[in-house]
Amino acid sequence: MPYGKNPGLEKVLLCDGPGYFVFPSPDQLPEMKGQACLVVKYPRRVIIGRERYNYFILFYPLRR
């Protein structure tokens, strides 16, 4: 559980589709400490090289 046992989720509307901010709980893994993310589903599957992706995930550090 990279964001801890009870991460915070906040639903947002982006480009006419749902997305989620994921905020860590206090018991977040030490190597991930202070990292959160935004998850958004692509309108269509994206292919990069031989890999297919359904979701865009933006990882970002929280300021503390």
PDB file of N, CA and C in Angstrom:
ATOM      1  N   MET A   1       0.833  -1.177   0.000  1.00  0.00           N
ATOM      2  CA  MET A   1       0.000   0.000   0.000  1.00  0.00           C
ATOM      3  C   MET A   1       0.882   1.246   0.000  1.00  0.00           C
ATOM      4  N   PRO A   2       1.271   1.711  -1.165  1.00  0.00           N
ATOM      5  CA  PRO A   2       2.211   2.828  -1.242  1.00  0.00           C
ATOM      6  C   PRO A   2       1.692   4.129  -0.638  1.00  0.00           C
ATOM      7  N   TYR A   3       0.370   4.281  -0.519  1.00  0.00           N
ATOM      8  CA  TYR A   3      -0.194   5.517   0.037  1.00  0.00           C
ATOM      9  C   TYR A   3      -0.751   5.320   1.435  1.00  0.00           C
ATOM     10  N   GLY A   4      -0.432   4.193   2.058  1.00  0.00           N
ATOM     11  CA  GLY A   4      -0.869   3.905   3.411  1.00  0.00           C
ATOM     12  C   GLY A   4      -2.165   3.114   3.434  1.00  0.00           C
ATOM     13  N   LYS A   5      -2.615   2.788   4.647  1.00  0.00           N
ATOM     14  CA  LYS A   5      -3.808   1.958   4.819  1.00  0.00           C
ATOM     15  C   LYS A   5      -5.105   2.712   4.577  1.00  0.00           C
ATOM     16  N   ASN A   6      -5.077   4.017   4.710  1.00  0.00           N
ATOM     17  CA  ASN A   6      -6.301   4.801   4.568  1.00  0.00           C
ATOM     18  C   ASN A   6      -6.027   6.089   3.781  1.00  0.00           C
ATOM     19  N   PRO A   7      -5.646   5.973   2.497  1.00  0.00           N
ATOM     20  CA  PRO A   7      -5.335   7.181   1.721  1.00  0.00           C
ATOM     21  C   PRO A   7      -6.582   8.018   1.468  1.00  0.00           C
ATOM     22  N   GLY A   8      -6.373   9.306   1.323  1.00  0.00           N
ATOM     23  CA  GLY A   8      -7.477  10.195   0.988  1.00  0.00           C
ATOM     24  C   GLY A   8      -7.709  10.207  -0.514  1.00  0.00           C
ATOM     25  N   LEU A   9      -8.964  10.192  -0.915  1.00  0.00           N
ATOM     26  CA  LEU A   9      -9.335  10.262  -2.330  1.00  0.00           C
ATOM     27  C   LEU A   9     -10.227  11.468  -2.540  1.00  0.00           C
ATOM     28  N   GLU A  10      -9.932  12.217  -3.580  1.00  0.00           N
ATOM     29  CA  GLU A  10     -10.767  13.363  -3.929  1.00  0.00           C
ATOM     30  C   GLU A  10     -11.100  13.260  -5.411  1.00  0.00           C
ATOM     31  N   LYS A  11     -12.384  13.106  -5.706  1.00  0.00           N
ATOM     32  CA  LYS A  11     -12.818  12.990  -7.096  1.00  0.00           C
ATOM     33  C   LYS A  11     -12.857  14.377  -7.723  1.00  0.00           C
ATOM     34  N   VAL A  12     -12.354  14.482  -8.950  1.00  0.00           N
ATOM     35  CA  VAL A  12     -12.360  15.747  -9.689  1.00  0.00           C
ATOM     36  C   VAL A  12     -12.858  15.477 -11.106  1.00  0.00           C
ATOM     37  N   LEU A  13     -13.343  16.511 -11.763  1.00  0.00           N
ATOM     38  CA  LEU A  13     -13.784  16.395 -13.148  1.00  0.00           C
ATOM     39  C   LEU A  13     -12.764  17.097 -14.030  1.00  0.00           C
ATOM     40  N   LEU A  14     -12.145  16.344 -14.933  1.00  0.00           N
ATOM     41  CA  LEU A  14     -11.115  16.878 -15.822  1.00  0.00           C
ATOM     42  C   LEU A  14     -11.444  16.482 -17.251  1.00  0.00           C
ATOM     43  N   CYS A  15     -11.510  17.435 -18.141  1.00  0.00           N
ATOM     44  CA  CYS A  15     -11.768  17.140 -19.561  1.00  0.00           C
ATOM     45  C   CYS A  15     -13.018  16.281 -19.725  1.00  0.00           C
ATOM     46  N   ASP A  16     -14.072  16.624 -19.017  1.00  0.00           N
ATOM     47  CA  ASP A  16     -15.353  15.909 -19.082  1.00  0.00           C
ATOM     48  C   ASP A  16     -15.285  14.470 -18.595  1.00  0.00           C
ATOM     49  N   GLY A  17     -14.285  14.126 -17.835  1.00  0.00           N
ATOM     50  CA  GLY A  17     -14.183  12.778 -17.286  1.00  0.00           C
ATOM     51  C   GLY A  17     -13.696  12.827 -15.853  1.00  0.00           C
ATOM     52  N   PRO A  18     -13.952  11.754 -15.092  1.00  0.00           N
ATOM     53  CA  PRO A  18     -13.529  11.744 -13.699  1.00  0.00           C
ATOM     54  C   PRO A  18     -12.033  11.496 -13.543  1.00  0.00           C
ATOM     55  N   GLY A  19     -11.500  12.046 -12.496  1.00  0.00           N
ATOM     56  CA  GLY A  19     -10.126  11.807 -12.100  1.00  0.00           C
ATOM     57  C   GLY A  19     -10.092  11.754 -10.586  1.00  0.00           C
ATOM     58  N   TYR A  20      -8.998  11.292 -10.030  1.00  0.00           N
ATOM     59  CA  TYR A  20      -8.888  11.181  -8.581  1.00  0.00           C
ATOM     60  C   TYR A  20      -7.523  11.655  -8.118  1.00  0.00           C
ATOM     61  N   PHE A  21      -7.535  12.513  -7.092  1.00  0.00           N
ATOM     62  CA  PHE A  21      -6.318  12.832  -6.366  1.00  0.00           C
ATOM     63  C   PHE A  21      -6.208  11.778  -5.274  1.00  0.00           C
ATOM     64  N   VAL A  22      -5.018  11.240  -5.083  1.00  0.00           N
ATOM     65  CA  VAL A  22      -4.774  10.261  -4.021  1.00  0.00           C
ATOM     66  C   VAL A  22      -3.756  10.883  -3.075  1.00  0.00           C
ATOM     67  N   PHE A  23      -4.185  11.093  -1.826  1.00  0.00           N
ATOM     68  CA  PHE A  23      -3.331  11.704  -0.814  1.00  0.00           C
ATOM     69  C   PHE A  23      -2.933  10.641   0.207  1.00  0.00           C
ATOM     70  N   PRO A  24      -1.683  10.624   0.631  1.00  0.00           N
ATOM     71  CA  PRO A  24      -1.225   9.576   1.542  1.00  0.00           C
ATOM     72  C   PRO A  24      -1.778   9.724   2.955  1.00  0.00           C
ATOM     73  N   SER A  25      -1.911   8.582   3.622  1.00  0.00           N
ATOM     74  CA  SER A  25      -2.236   8.594   5.044  1.00  0.00           C
ATOM     75  C   SER A  25      -0.915   8.615   5.824  1.00  0.00           C
ATOM     76  N   PRO A  26      -0.961   8.901   7.124  1.00  0.00           N
ATOM     77  CA  PRO A  26       0.281   9.023   7.904  1.00  0.00           C
ATOM     78  C   PRO A  26       1.177   7.784   7.884  1.00  0.00           C
ATOM     79  N   ASP A  27       0.615   6.607   7.615  1.00  0.00           N
ATOM     80  CA  ASP A  27       1.423   5.387   7.609  1.00  0.00           C
ATOM     81  C   ASP A  27       1.957   5.039   6.213  1.00  0.00           C
ATOM     82  N   GLN A  28       2.073   6.030   5.352  1.00  0.00           N
ATOM     83  CA  GLN A  28       2.604   5.817   3.999  1.00  0.00           C
ATOM     84  C   GLN A  28       4.000   5.196   4.079  1.00  0.00           C
ATOM     85  N   LEU A  29       4.320   4.348   3.100  1.00  0.00           N
ATOM     86  CA  LEU A  29       5.638   3.718   3.065  1.00  0.00           C
ATOM     87  C   LEU A  29       6.745   4.772   3.094  1.00  0.00           C
ATOM     88  N   PRO A  30       7.820   4.528   3.845  1.00  0.00           N
ATOM     89  CA  PRO A  30       8.897   5.519   3.957  1.00  0.00           C
ATOM     90  C   PRO A  30       9.491   5.941   2.614  1.00  0.00           C
ATOM     91  N   GLU A  31       9.663   5.005   1.686  1.00  0.00           N
ATOM     92  CA  GLU A  31      10.261   5.356   0.396  1.00  0.00           C
ATOM     93  C   GLU A  31       9.334   6.202  -0.472  1.00  0.00           C
ATOM     94  N   MET A  32       8.058   6.259  -0.121  1.00  0.00           N
ATOM     95  CA  MET A  32       7.089   7.070  -0.866  1.00  0.00           C
ATOM     96  C   MET A  32       6.722   8.337  -0.087  1.00  0.00           C
ATOM     97  N   LYS A  33       7.358   8.572   1.040  1.00  0.00           N
ATOM     98  CA  LYS A  33       6.951   9.626   1.972  1.00  0.00           C
ATOM     99  C   LYS A  33       6.719  10.960   1.286  1.00  0.00           C
ATOM    100  N   GLY A  34       5.533  11.491   1.478  1.00  0.00           N
ATOM    101  CA  GLY A  34       5.198  12.796   0.931  1.00  0.00           C
ATOM    102  C   GLY A  34       4.773  12.786  -0.520  1.00  0.00           C
ATOM    103  N   GLN A  35       4.619  11.610  -1.125  1.00  0.00           N
ATOM    104  CA  GLN A  35       4.219  11.553  -2.533  1.00  0.00           C
ATOM    105  C   GLN A  35       2.721  11.298  -2.643  1.00  0.00           C
ATOM    106  N   ALA A  36       2.089  12.000  -3.557  1.00  0.00           N
ATOM    107  CA  ALA A  36       0.674  11.826  -3.861  1.00  0.00           C
ATOM    108  C   ALA A  36       0.561  11.624  -5.370  1.00  0.00           C
ATOM    109  N   CYS A  37      -0.664  11.441  -5.875  1.00  0.00           N
ATOM    110  CA  CYS A  37      -0.801  11.284  -7.321  1.00  0.00           C
ATOM    111  C   CYS A  37      -2.185  11.712  -7.796  1.00  0.00           C
ATOM    112  N   LEU A  38      -2.269  11.914  -9.090  1.00  0.00           N
ATOM    113  CA  LEU A  38      -3.518  12.199  -9.787  1.00  0.00           C
ATOM    114  C   LEU A  38      -3.687  11.094 -10.817  1.00  0.00           C
ATOM    115  N   VAL A  39      -4.867  10.462 -10.844  1.00  0.00           N
ATOM    116  CA  VAL A  39      -5.146   9.367 -11.777  1.00  0.00           C
ATOM    117  C   VAL A  39      -6.321   9.772 -12.658  1.00  0.00           C
ATOM    118  N   VAL A  40      -6.121   9.701 -13.978  1.00  0.00           N
ATOM    119  CA  VAL A  40      -7.161  10.067 -14.945  1.00  0.00           C
ATOM    120  C   VAL A  40      -7.190   9.006 -16.036  1.00  0.00           C
ATOM    121  N   LYS A  41      -8.387   8.550 -16.400  1.00  0.00           N
ATOM    122  CA  LYS A  41      -8.510   7.570 -17.482  1.00  0.00           C
ATOM    123  C   LYS A  41      -8.426   8.291 -18.818  1.00  0.00           C
ATOM    124  N   TYR A  42      -7.603   7.757 -19.716  1.00  0.00           N
ATOM    125  CA  TYR A  42      -7.516   8.310 -21.064  1.00  0.00           C
ATOM    126  C   TYR A  42      -8.849   8.103 -21.786  1.00  0.00           C
ATOM    127  N   PRO A  43      -9.241   9.022 -22.673  1.00  0.00           N
ATOM    128  CA  PRO A  43     -10.470   8.818 -23.451  1.00  0.00           C
ATOM    129  C   PRO A  43     -10.393   7.547 -24.304  1.00  0.00           C
ATOM    130  N   ARG A  44      -9.192   7.257 -24.784  1.00  0.00           N
ATOM    131  CA  ARG A  44      -8.927   6.043 -25.560  1.00  0.00           C
ATOM    132  C   ARG A  44      -7.591   5.478 -25.090  1.00  0.00           C
ATOM    133  N   ARG A  45      -7.440   4.183 -25.204  1.00  0.00           N
ATOM    134  CA  ARG A  45      -6.194   3.546 -24.809  1.00  0.00           C
ATOM    135  C   ARG A  45      -5.027   4.173 -25.571  1.00  0.00           C
ATOM    136  N   VAL A  46      -3.938   4.414 -24.873  1.00  0.00           N
ATOM    137  CA  VAL A  46      -2.736   4.999 -25.461  1.00  0.00           C
ATOM    138  C   VAL A  46      -1.691   3.898 -25.606  1.00  0.00           C
ATOM    139  N   ILE A  47      -1.060   3.851 -26.764  1.00  0.00           N
ATOM    140  CA  ILE A  47      -0.009   2.862 -27.000  1.00  0.00           C
ATOM    141  C   ILE A  47       1.319   3.600 -27.131  1.00  0.00           C
ATOM    142  N   ILE A  48       2.268   3.212 -26.301  1.00  0.00           N
ATOM    143  CA  ILE A  48       3.621   3.768 -26.340  1.00  0.00           C
ATOM    144  C   ILE A  48       4.564   2.586 -26.495  1.00  0.00           C
ATOM    145  N   GLY A  49       5.220   2.527 -27.647  1.00  0.00           N
ATOM    146  CA  GLY A  49       6.041   1.353 -27.944  1.00  0.00           C
ATOM    147  C   GLY A  49       5.133   0.142 -28.051  1.00  0.00           C
ATOM    148  N   ARG A  50       5.398  -0.861 -27.239  1.00  0.00           N
ATOM    149  CA  ARG A  50       4.557  -2.063 -27.224  1.00  0.00           C
ATOM    150  C   ARG A  50       3.614  -2.103 -26.029  1.00  0.00           C
ATOM    151  N   GLU A  51       3.645  -1.075 -25.219  1.00  0.00           N
ATOM    152  CA  GLU A  51       2.812  -1.029 -24.011  1.00  0.00           C
ATOM    153  C   GLU A  51       1.518  -0.271 -24.262  1.00  0.00           C
ATOM    154  N   ARG A  52       0.435  -0.738 -23.646  1.00  0.00           N
ATOM    155  CA  ARG A  52      -0.870  -0.075 -23.737  1.00  0.00           C
ATOM    156  C   ARG A  52      -1.223   0.498 -22.371  1.00  0.00           C
ATOM    157  N   TYR A  53      -1.746   1.701 -22.375  1.00  0.00           N
ATOM    158  CA  TYR A  53      -2.079   2.383 -21.127  1.00  0.00           C
ATOM    159  C   TYR A  53      -3.515   2.880 -21.162  1.00  0.00           C
ATOM    160  N   ASN A  54      -4.241   2.646 -20.072  1.00  0.00           N
ATOM    161  CA  ASN A  54      -5.612   3.129 -19.937  1.00  0.00           C
ATOM    162  C   ASN A  54      -5.694   4.359 -19.039  1.00  0.00           C
ATOM    163  N   TYR A  55      -4.662   4.557 -18.208  1.00  0.00           N
ATOM    164  CA  TYR A  55      -4.696   5.638 -17.232  1.00  0.00           C
ATOM    165  C   TYR A  55      -3.437   6.492 -17.306  1.00  0.00           C
ATOM    166  N   PHE A  56      -3.624   7.786 -17.094  1.00  0.00           N
ATOM    167  CA  PHE A  56      -2.521   8.724 -16.931  1.00  0.00           C
ATOM    168  C   PHE A  56      -2.353   8.904 -15.431  1.00  0.00           C
ATOM    169  N   ILE A  57      -1.147   8.718 -14.924  1.00  0.00           N
ATOM    170  CA  ILE A  57      -0.881   8.882 -13.498  1.00  0.00           C
ATOM    171  C   ILE A  57       0.239   9.897 -13.336  1.00  0.00           C
ATOM    172  N   LEU A  58      -0.074  10.967 -12.643  1.00  0.00           N
ATOM    173  CA  LEU A  58       0.900  12.018 -12.367  1.00  0.00           C
ATOM    174  C   LEU A  58       1.290  11.920 -10.901  1.00  0.00           C
ATOM    175  N   PHE A  59       2.541  11.599 -10.634  1.00  0.00           N
ATOM    176  CA  PHE A  59       3.049  11.534  -9.266  1.00  0.00           C
ATOM    177  C   PHE A  59       3.621  12.900  -8.907  1.00  0.00           C
ATOM    178  N   TYR A  60       3.375  13.343  -7.690  1.00  0.00           N
ATOM    179  CA  TYR A  60       3.910  14.637  -7.284  1.00  0.00           C
ATOM    180  C   TYR A  60       4.185  14.654  -5.784  1.00  0.00           C
ATOM    181  N   PRO A  61       5.208  15.424  -5.369  1.00  0.00           N
ATOM    182  CA  PRO A  61       5.530  15.538  -3.948  1.00  0.00           C
ATOM    183  C   PRO A  61       4.624  16.565  -3.277  1.00  0.00           C
ATOM    184  N   LEU A  62       4.216  16.253  -2.070  1.00  0.00           N
ATOM    185  CA  LEU A  62       3.446  17.210  -1.278  1.00  0.00           C
ATOM    186  C   LEU A  62       4.414  18.076  -0.494  1.00  0.00           C
ATOM    187  N   ARG A  63       4.083  19.303  -0.334  1.00  0.00           N
ATOM    188  CA  ARG A  63       4.911  20.189   0.504  1.00  0.00           C
ATOM    189  C   ARG A  63       4.456  20.024   1.937  1.00  0.00           C
ATOM    190  N   ARG A  64       5.416  19.867   2.805  1.00  0.00           N
ATOM    191  CA  ARG A  64       5.075  19.693   4.226  1.00  0.00           C
ATOM    192  C   ARG A  64       5.799  20.705   5.054  1.00  0.00           C
TER     193      ARG A  64
END
